Amino acid sequence: MISRQTSLSKNIVQFCRFLRNRGFLLSAEEEATALQSLQFINYSERNIFKQALKAVLCRSLKELREFDKLFNEYWKELEKAIDSKVKTETKPIITQGTEDASFKALKSWLNGNQNIEKEETASYSIGENLSQKDFSAVPVDDLDDLMKSIKALSKRLSAQLNRRYTHSDKVHLPDLRRTLRKNMRHGGELFEIAFKKTKPKRTKLILLCDVSKSMDLYVAFLLQFMFAFQRVFGKIETFAFSTSLENITRLLGQHDFPTALGLLGSRNNNWSGGTKIGESLNDLVQKHARLLNKRTIVVIFSDGWDTGDIPFLERSMETIQRRSKKVIWLNPLAGYASYSPDVAGMQAALPFVDVFAPVHNLESLRKLGRWL
């Protein structure tokens, strides 16, 4: 039974969850756009309201064909629903023990125990949507939606990288999509013509994920992102490291993420241990040198805590930056306002990093697209 929420906006959020459960690839971005669209339409008119949501929430022909039926099913059921109180938290307070509780909830979800007794993890502002929640403080009830949003985001970023054309200011091939968009202000009259040209050789990606103990609360989400990205982007190699480096491209090639995660966990007894970033990156330089060239972007997900040889890390980073097109370092701790990259490993790596940014929530993952 769909419970009646206390406002239209909450019902739209629940409707998006309803669609995700039926296979729609919706991220928090579409959800936010749907909410923002309310200020531009007369949402008291049912058909206008439906068409606005349809334009925002459908991303394929299959979804377009299914939308009307699902829309009617959801809102018809909602009319029959019984009013229910929705538990909300109003203070953005993270209580002591949040990390342990969040970690237990995450582990339980990954093991398939989704109908577990609710654990208090962290309270968050009611105005904070899914894209803004820190991965380490996501309640167990939101894990399914979050993983599906990460999957949808990966697909969108990959589509951007896979495009065969790029924008051009010179007269090349006409770009119909941009032409129509630019001329909407003129009522559809074609006053301005946009052009495109073939892209240069496609970018290759190397993704490296730190799976040491200090990254426990973030690893599952980052691996889900890598798993989904790898399924839709061909020119990619994925690695995991703690005290050593392992190529996990083949392991992430499984049909579903829980299976891939199970294989990764069974083969890596040194996960959730110490971190030797320098030695791991040196393995990349020495054993996988063929992957590094001026079309390669290297993305490192790590908090920078290194228990190994710091000069070794510095030399490895210098080599990687010199041989590759760009080095991006995404640190989950950088999402905190009080964060400062003071640890020795981060200090050694930063001079050889082209982009340093946080990776603590969906919004920070979305920004990866602008650097790729």
Protein backbone atom coordinates (compact mmCIF):
# COMPACT_ATOMS: atom_id res chain seq x y z
CA MET A 1 0.00 0.00 0.00
CA ILE A 2 1.35 3.39 -1.00
CA SER A 3 1.15 5.74 1.98
CA ARG A 4 -0.20 9.26 1.47
CA GLN A 5 2.55 11.77 2.06
CA THR A 6 2.02 15.23 3.52
CA SER A 7 2.89 17.27 0.42
CA LEU A 8 3.02 17.02 -3.37
CA SER A 9 6.82 17.21 -3.35
CA LYS A 10 7.08 14.19 -1.04
CA ASN A 11 4.70 12.28 -3.30
CA ILE A 12 6.91 13.05 -6.32
CA VAL A 13 9.94 11.71 -4.44
CA GLN A 14 7.97 8.55 -3.60
CA PHE A 15 6.79 8.28 -7.23
CA CYS A 16 10.43 8.38 -8.38
CA ARG A 17 11.21 5.52 -6.00
CA PHE A 18 8.17 3.67 -7.38
CA LEU A 19 9.57 4.04 -10.93
CA ARG A 20 13.07 2.96 -9.89
CA ASN A 21 11.63 -0.22 -8.42
CA ARG A 22 10.16 -0.93 -11.86
CA GLY A 23 13.43 -0.54 -13.75
CA PHE A 24 13.59 3.18 -14.52
CA LEU A 25 17.17 4.51 -14.44
CA LEU A 26 16.45 7.61 -12.36
CA SER A 27 19.12 9.44 -10.40
CA ALA A 28 18.68 12.15 -7.79
CA GLU A 29 19.23 14.71 -10.56
CA GLU A 30 16.00 13.79 -12.38
CA GLU A 31 14.22 13.73 -9.03
CA ALA A 32 15.37 17.29 -8.25
CA THR A 33 14.44 18.49 -11.75
CA ALA A 34 10.95 17.04 -11.37
CA LEU A 35 10.50 18.99 -8.13
CA GLN A 36 11.84 22.20 -9.68
CA SER A 37 9.45 21.86 -12.64
CA LEU A 38 6.46 22.48 -10.35
CA GLN A 39 7.16 26.22 -10.35
CA PHE A 40 6.83 26.39 -14.15
CA ILE A 41 3.59 24.45 -14.72
CA ASN A 42 -0.02 24.42 -13.59
CA TYR A 43 0.26 21.17 -11.67
CA SER A 44 -3.42 21.26 -10.71
CA GLU A 45 -4.09 20.13 -14.31
CA ARG A 46 -3.52 16.38 -14.20
CA ASN A 47 -2.48 15.99 -17.85
CA ILE A 48 0.01 18.89 -17.69
CA PHE A 49 1.43 17.47 -14.47
CA LYS A 50 1.79 14.01 -16.08
CA GLN A 51 3.45 15.32 -19.24
CA ALA A 52 5.95 17.40 -17.21
CA LEU A 53 7.00 14.37 -15.16
CA LYS A 54 7.13 12.24 -18.30
CA ALA A 55 9.50 14.68 -20.01
CA VAL A 56 11.85 14.70 -17.02
CA LEU A 57 11.77 11.11 -15.81
CA CYS A 58 11.82 9.07 -19.04
CA ARG A 59 15.21 8.44 -20.65
CA SER A 60 14.40 5.70 -23.18
CA LEU A 61 11.65 4.62 -25.57
CA LYS A 62 10.81 1.68 -23.30
CA GLU A 63 10.32 4.02 -20.34
CA LEU A 64 8.15 6.36 -22.43
CA ARG A 65 5.88 3.46 -23.37
CA GLU A 66 5.52 2.29 -19.78
CA PHE A 67 5.17 5.69 -18.11
CA ASP A 68 1.44 6.36 -18.61
CA LYS A 69 0.44 2.99 -17.18
CA LEU A 70 2.73 3.37 -14.15
CA PHE A 71 1.67 6.98 -13.59
CA ASN A 72 -2.00 6.00 -13.48
CA GLU A 73 -1.24 2.98 -11.30
CA TYR A 74 0.66 5.03 -8.73
CA TRP A 75 -1.67 8.02 -8.41
CA LYS A 76 -4.79 5.86 -8.47
CA GLU A 77 -3.39 3.77 -5.63
CA LEU A 78 -2.39 6.94 -3.79
CA GLU A 79 -5.98 8.17 -3.79
CA LYS A 80 -6.93 5.02 -1.86
CA ALA A 81 -4.04 5.20 0.55
CA ILE A 82 -4.50 5.79 4.25
CA ASP A 83 -2.96 8.90 5.79
CA SER A 84 0.18 7.98 7.65
CA LYS A 85 2.71 9.85 9.66
CA VAL A 86 6.13 10.13 8.09
CA LYS A 87 9.02 10.09 10.51
CA THR A 88 11.34 13.02 9.90
CA GLU A 89 14.44 14.35 11.57
CA THR A 90 14.85 18.10 11.73
CA LYS A 91 18.31 18.62 13.16
CA PRO A 92 21.44 17.88 11.10
CA ILE A 93 23.09 16.08 14.00
CA ILE A 94 25.39 13.11 13.57
CA THR A 95 25.39 11.20 16.82
CA GLN A 96 28.26 9.31 18.34
CA GLY A 97 28.55 5.83 16.89
CA THR A 98 27.16 6.90 13.51
CA GLU A 99 29.96 5.29 11.53
CA ASP A 100 29.59 1.91 13.25
CA ALA A 101 25.82 1.87 12.82
CA SER A 102 26.00 3.01 9.20
CA PHE A 103 28.64 0.41 8.45
CA LYS A 104 26.56 -2.40 9.98
CA ALA A 105 23.50 -1.29 8.04
CA LEU A 106 25.50 -1.19 4.81
CA LYS A 107 27.03 -4.61 5.37
CA SER A 108 23.62 -6.06 6.13
CA TRP A 109 22.18 -4.57 2.94
CA LEU A 110 25.04 -5.91 0.83
CA ASN A 111 24.46 -9.38 2.28
CA GLY A 112 20.84 -9.29 1.18
CA ASN A 113 19.25 -8.69 4.61
CA GLN A 114 17.15 -5.72 3.58
CA ASN A 115 14.21 -6.42 5.90
CA ILE A 116 16.22 -6.03 9.07
CA GLU A 117 15.27 -4.24 12.23
CA LYS A 118 15.83 -0.52 11.69
CA GLU A 119 19.03 0.85 13.18
CA GLU A 120 19.52 4.49 14.06
CA THR A 121 22.39 5.69 11.85
CA ALA A 122 22.39 9.46 11.53
CA SER A 123 19.73 12.10 11.42
CA TYR A 124 19.65 14.54 8.56
CA SER A 125 17.74 17.60 7.47
CA ILE A 126 14.41 16.92 5.83
CA GLY A 127 15.45 19.30 3.05
CA GLU A 128 18.51 17.26 2.20
CA ASN A 129 17.83 15.10 -0.86
CA LEU A 130 19.55 11.88 -1.81
CA SER A 131 22.25 13.54 -3.91
CA GLN A 132 23.48 15.58 -0.92
CA LYS A 133 23.65 12.82 1.70
CA ASP A 134 27.12 11.73 2.75
CA PHE A 135 27.63 8.06 1.88
CA SER A 136 28.77 7.33 5.43
CA ALA A 137 25.44 8.55 6.88
CA VAL A 138 22.91 7.01 4.50
CA PRO A 139 20.05 5.26 6.37
CA VAL A 140 19.51 1.62 5.44
CA ASP A 141 16.07 2.47 4.01
CA ASP A 142 17.71 4.62 1.31
CA LEU A 143 20.46 2.20 0.25
CA ASP A 144 18.48 0.67 -2.62
CA ASP A 145 17.61 4.07 -4.08
CA LEU A 146 21.16 5.30 -3.66
CA MET A 147 22.67 2.31 -5.48
CA LYS A 148 20.17 2.69 -8.33
CA SER A 149 20.98 6.41 -8.56
CA ILE A 150 24.70 5.64 -8.75
CA LYS A 151 23.99 3.16 -11.55
CA ALA A 152 21.96 5.76 -13.50
CA LEU A 153 24.65 8.40 -12.97
CA SER A 154 27.36 6.03 -14.27
CA LYS A 155 25.34 5.38 -17.41
CA ARG A 156 24.90 9.11 -18.06
CA LEU A 157 28.59 9.93 -17.57
CA SER A 158 29.56 7.08 -19.86
CA ALA A 159 27.18 8.33 -22.55
CA GLN A 160 28.91 11.70 -22.42
CA LEU A 161 32.33 10.12 -22.86
CA ASN A 162 31.12 7.79 -25.63
CA ARG A 163 29.82 10.59 -27.83
CA ARG A 164 31.42 10.50 -31.24
CA TYR A 165 31.02 14.23 -31.83
CA THR A 166 31.85 17.40 -29.95
CA HIS A 167 30.66 20.99 -30.26
CA SER A 168 32.30 23.27 -32.81
CA ASP A 169 32.26 27.03 -33.38
CA LYS A 170 33.18 26.54 -37.04
CA VAL A 171 30.99 25.32 -39.89
CA HIS A 172 31.11 21.52 -39.75
CA LEU A 173 28.23 19.04 -39.51
CA PRO A 174 24.90 20.55 -38.35
CA ASP A 175 24.04 19.66 -34.74
CA LEU A 176 20.25 19.26 -34.79
CA ARG A 177 19.79 18.84 -31.04
CA ARG A 178 21.75 21.97 -30.08
CA THR A 179 20.17 23.93 -32.95
CA LEU A 180 16.67 23.20 -31.68
CA ARG A 181 17.67 24.02 -28.13
CA LYS A 182 19.30 27.34 -29.08
CA ASN A 183 16.26 28.44 -31.09
CA MET A 184 13.63 27.71 -28.45
CA ARG A 185 13.92 31.36 -27.40
CA HIS A 186 12.80 32.33 -30.92
CA GLY A 187 9.67 30.18 -30.84
CA GLY A 188 11.25 27.42 -32.91
CA GLU A 189 12.33 29.63 -35.83
CA LEU A 190 15.83 28.61 -36.97
CA PHE A 191 17.80 31.83 -36.54
CA GLU A 192 20.93 30.14 -35.19
CA ILE A 193 22.60 26.98 -36.48
CA ALA A 194 24.85 24.91 -34.18
CA PHE A 195 27.58 22.67 -35.56
CA LYS A 196 29.53 19.63 -34.42
CA LYS A 197 32.71 17.87 -35.46
CA THR A 198 34.16 14.44 -34.96
CA LYS A 199 35.92 13.96 -31.64
CA PRO A 200 39.62 13.15 -31.40
CA LYS A 201 40.69 9.69 -30.27
CA ARG A 202 38.59 8.52 -27.36
CA THR A 203 39.75 8.88 -23.79
CA LYS A 204 40.85 5.82 -21.83
CA LEU A 205 40.17 5.58 -18.11
CA ILE A 206 42.00 3.92 -15.24
CA LEU A 207 40.01 3.85 -11.98
CA LEU A 208 41.80 2.91 -8.74
CA CYS A 209 39.84 2.42 -5.52
CA ASP A 210 41.42 2.39 -2.05
CA VAL A 211 39.81 -0.52 -0.14
CA SER A 212 41.72 -0.11 3.12
CA LYS A 213 40.12 0.06 6.59
CA SER A 214 39.86 3.84 6.61
CA MET A 215 37.71 3.74 3.45
CA ASP A 216 35.22 1.11 4.71
CA LEU A 217 32.17 3.38 4.76
CA TYR A 218 32.72 4.51 1.15
CA VAL A 219 34.12 1.46 -0.65
CA ALA A 220 30.81 -0.24 -1.54
CA PHE A 221 29.42 2.92 -3.16
CA LEU A 222 32.61 3.61 -5.12
CA LEU A 223 32.81 0.00 -6.31
CA GLN A 224 29.15 0.18 -7.40
CA PHE A 225 30.03 3.28 -9.43
CA MET A 226 33.03 1.52 -11.01
CA PHE A 227 30.95 -1.61 -11.70
CA ALA A 228 28.19 0.33 -13.45
CA PHE A 229 30.62 2.55 -15.35
CA GLN A 230 32.60 -0.43 -16.62
CA ARG A 231 29.45 -2.09 -17.98
CA VAL A 232 28.72 0.79 -20.36
CA PHE A 233 32.17 2.23 -21.11
CA GLY A 234 34.58 0.02 -23.03
CA LYS A 235 37.94 1.76 -22.68
CA ILE A 236 38.41 1.32 -18.95
CA GLU A 237 40.59 -0.62 -16.51
CA THR A 238 39.61 -0.89 -12.84
CA PHE A 239 41.89 -1.60 -9.89
CA ALA A 240 41.60 -2.02 -6.12
CA PHE A 241 44.44 -1.49 -3.67
CA SER A 242 45.29 -1.55 0.02
CA THR A 243 48.72 -3.04 0.69
CA SER A 244 48.98 -4.20 -2.95
CA LEU A 245 47.34 -3.53 -6.30
CA GLU A 246 44.92 -5.88 -8.07
CA ASN A 247 43.31 -5.51 -11.47
CA ILE A 248 39.58 -6.13 -10.86
CA THR A 249 38.34 -5.40 -14.38
CA ARG A 250 37.40 -9.03 -14.97
CA LEU A 251 35.83 -9.45 -11.52
CA LEU A 252 33.63 -6.40 -12.07
CA GLY A 253 32.49 -7.93 -15.34
CA GLN A 254 29.87 -10.07 -13.57
CA HIS A 255 26.17 -9.89 -14.41
CA ASP A 256 25.21 -8.15 -11.15
CA PHE A 257 26.98 -6.13 -8.49
CA PRO A 258 26.35 -8.36 -5.43
CA THR A 259 27.98 -11.28 -7.28
CA ALA A 260 30.96 -9.12 -8.22
CA LEU A 261 31.27 -7.83 -4.66
CA GLY A 262 31.17 -11.37 -3.31
CA LEU A 263 34.00 -12.45 -5.61
CA LEU A 264 36.04 -9.40 -4.66
CA GLY A 265 35.59 -10.07 -0.96
CA SER A 266 36.49 -13.76 -1.21
CA ARG A 267 39.70 -13.10 -3.12
CA ASN A 268 41.06 -10.22 -1.09
CA ASN A 269 41.83 -11.08 2.51
CA ASN A 270 43.98 -7.97 2.87
CA TRP A 271 41.05 -5.60 2.30
CA SER A 272 40.06 -3.39 5.22
CA GLY A 273 43.66 -3.44 6.41
CA GLY A 274 46.54 -1.00 6.05
CA THR A 275 47.36 1.13 3.02
CA LYS A 276 50.53 1.21 0.95
CA ILE A 277 49.58 3.65 -1.77
CA GLY A 278 53.12 4.16 -3.03
CA GLU A 279 53.79 0.45 -3.52
CA SER A 280 50.39 -0.02 -5.17
CA LEU A 281 50.88 2.85 -7.61
CA ASN A 282 54.37 1.60 -8.39
CA ASP A 283 52.80 -1.72 -9.40
CA LEU A 284 50.63 0.24 -11.83
CA VAL A 285 53.70 1.92 -13.31
CA GLN A 286 55.79 -1.26 -13.52
CA LYS A 287 53.23 -3.96 -14.40
CA HIS A 288 50.66 -1.99 -16.37
CA ALA A 289 52.81 0.60 -18.11
CA ARG A 290 51.09 -0.09 -21.45
CA LEU A 291 47.90 1.47 -20.08
CA LEU A 292 49.51 4.85 -19.40
CA ASN A 293 49.64 7.26 -22.32
CA LYS A 294 48.51 10.77 -23.22
CA ARG A 295 44.93 9.59 -23.87
CA THR A 296 44.62 8.07 -20.39
CA ILE A 297 42.91 9.74 -17.43
CA VAL A 298 43.79 8.22 -14.06
CA VAL A 299 41.16 8.54 -11.31
CA ILE A 300 42.16 7.62 -7.74
CA PHE A 301 39.54 7.18 -4.99
CA SER A 302 41.41 7.40 -1.70
CA ASP A 303 41.60 9.31 1.58
CA GLY A 304 45.39 9.52 1.28
CA TRP A 305 46.24 7.64 4.48
CA ASP A 306 49.45 5.75 3.69
CA THR A 307 51.35 3.42 6.03
CA GLY A 308 54.02 2.70 3.40
CA ASP A 309 57.02 4.50 1.95
CA ILE A 310 56.08 8.16 1.33
CA PRO A 311 59.00 8.93 -1.05
CA PHE A 312 57.94 5.86 -3.02
CA LEU A 313 54.44 7.37 -3.34
CA GLU A 314 55.90 10.66 -4.52
CA ARG A 315 58.00 9.00 -7.24
CA SER A 316 55.10 6.85 -8.44
CA MET A 317 52.75 9.83 -8.67
CA GLU A 318 55.32 11.84 -10.61
CA THR A 319 55.65 9.03 -13.17
CA ILE A 320 51.89 8.56 -13.52
CA GLN A 321 51.28 12.26 -14.08
CA ARG A 322 54.10 12.50 -16.65
CA ARG A 323 52.84 9.55 -18.69
CA SER A 324 49.08 10.19 -18.56
CA LYS A 325 46.75 12.90 -19.83
CA LYS A 326 45.34 13.85 -16.43
CA VAL A 327 45.36 12.65 -12.80
CA ILE A 328 42.19 13.10 -10.73
CA TRP A 329 42.28 12.36 -6.99
CA LEU A 330 38.88 12.08 -5.28
CA ASN A 331 38.97 12.04 -1.48
CA PRO A 332 35.80 11.29 0.56
CA LEU A 333 37.14 13.27 3.53
CA ALA A 334 37.42 16.42 1.40
CA GLY A 335 33.64 16.75 1.62
CA TYR A 336 33.95 17.99 5.22
CA ALA A 337 34.25 21.75 5.61
CA SER A 338 37.01 21.38 8.19
CA TYR A 339 39.10 19.01 6.05
CA SER A 340 42.71 19.86 5.32
CA PRO A 341 45.04 17.52 3.33
CA ASP A 342 47.62 17.33 6.12
CA VAL A 343 48.43 13.59 6.10
CA ALA A 344 51.84 12.73 4.65
CA GLY A 345 50.47 10.61 1.80
CA MET A 346 48.17 13.37 0.57
CA GLN A 347 50.90 15.99 0.90
CA ALA A 348 53.23 13.86 -1.23
CA ALA A 349 50.62 13.20 -3.94
CA LEU A 350 49.08 16.66 -4.37
CA PRO A 351 51.88 18.26 -6.44
CA PHE A 352 51.21 15.62 -9.12
CA VAL A 353 47.40 15.83 -9.11
CA ASP A 354 45.56 17.86 -11.76
CA VAL A 355 42.17 17.74 -10.01
CA PHE A 356 41.63 17.24 -6.27
CA ALA A 357 38.00 17.04 -5.15
CA PRO A 358 35.64 15.29 -2.69
CA VAL A 359 33.76 12.05 -3.43
CA HIS A 360 31.42 11.74 -0.45
CA ASN A 361 27.97 11.86 -2.10
CA LEU A 362 26.12 11.60 -5.41
CA GLU A 363 26.58 15.27 -6.21
CA SER A 364 30.37 14.97 -5.95
CA LEU A 365 30.34 11.90 -8.23
CA ARG A 366 28.26 13.83 -10.76
CA LYS A 367 30.91 16.55 -10.94
CA LEU A 368 33.39 13.96 -12.17
CA GLY A 369 31.83 14.38 -15.61
CA ARG A 370 33.16 17.91 -16.04
CA TRP A 371 36.75 16.73 -15.45
CA LEU A 372 36.51 13.71 -17.73
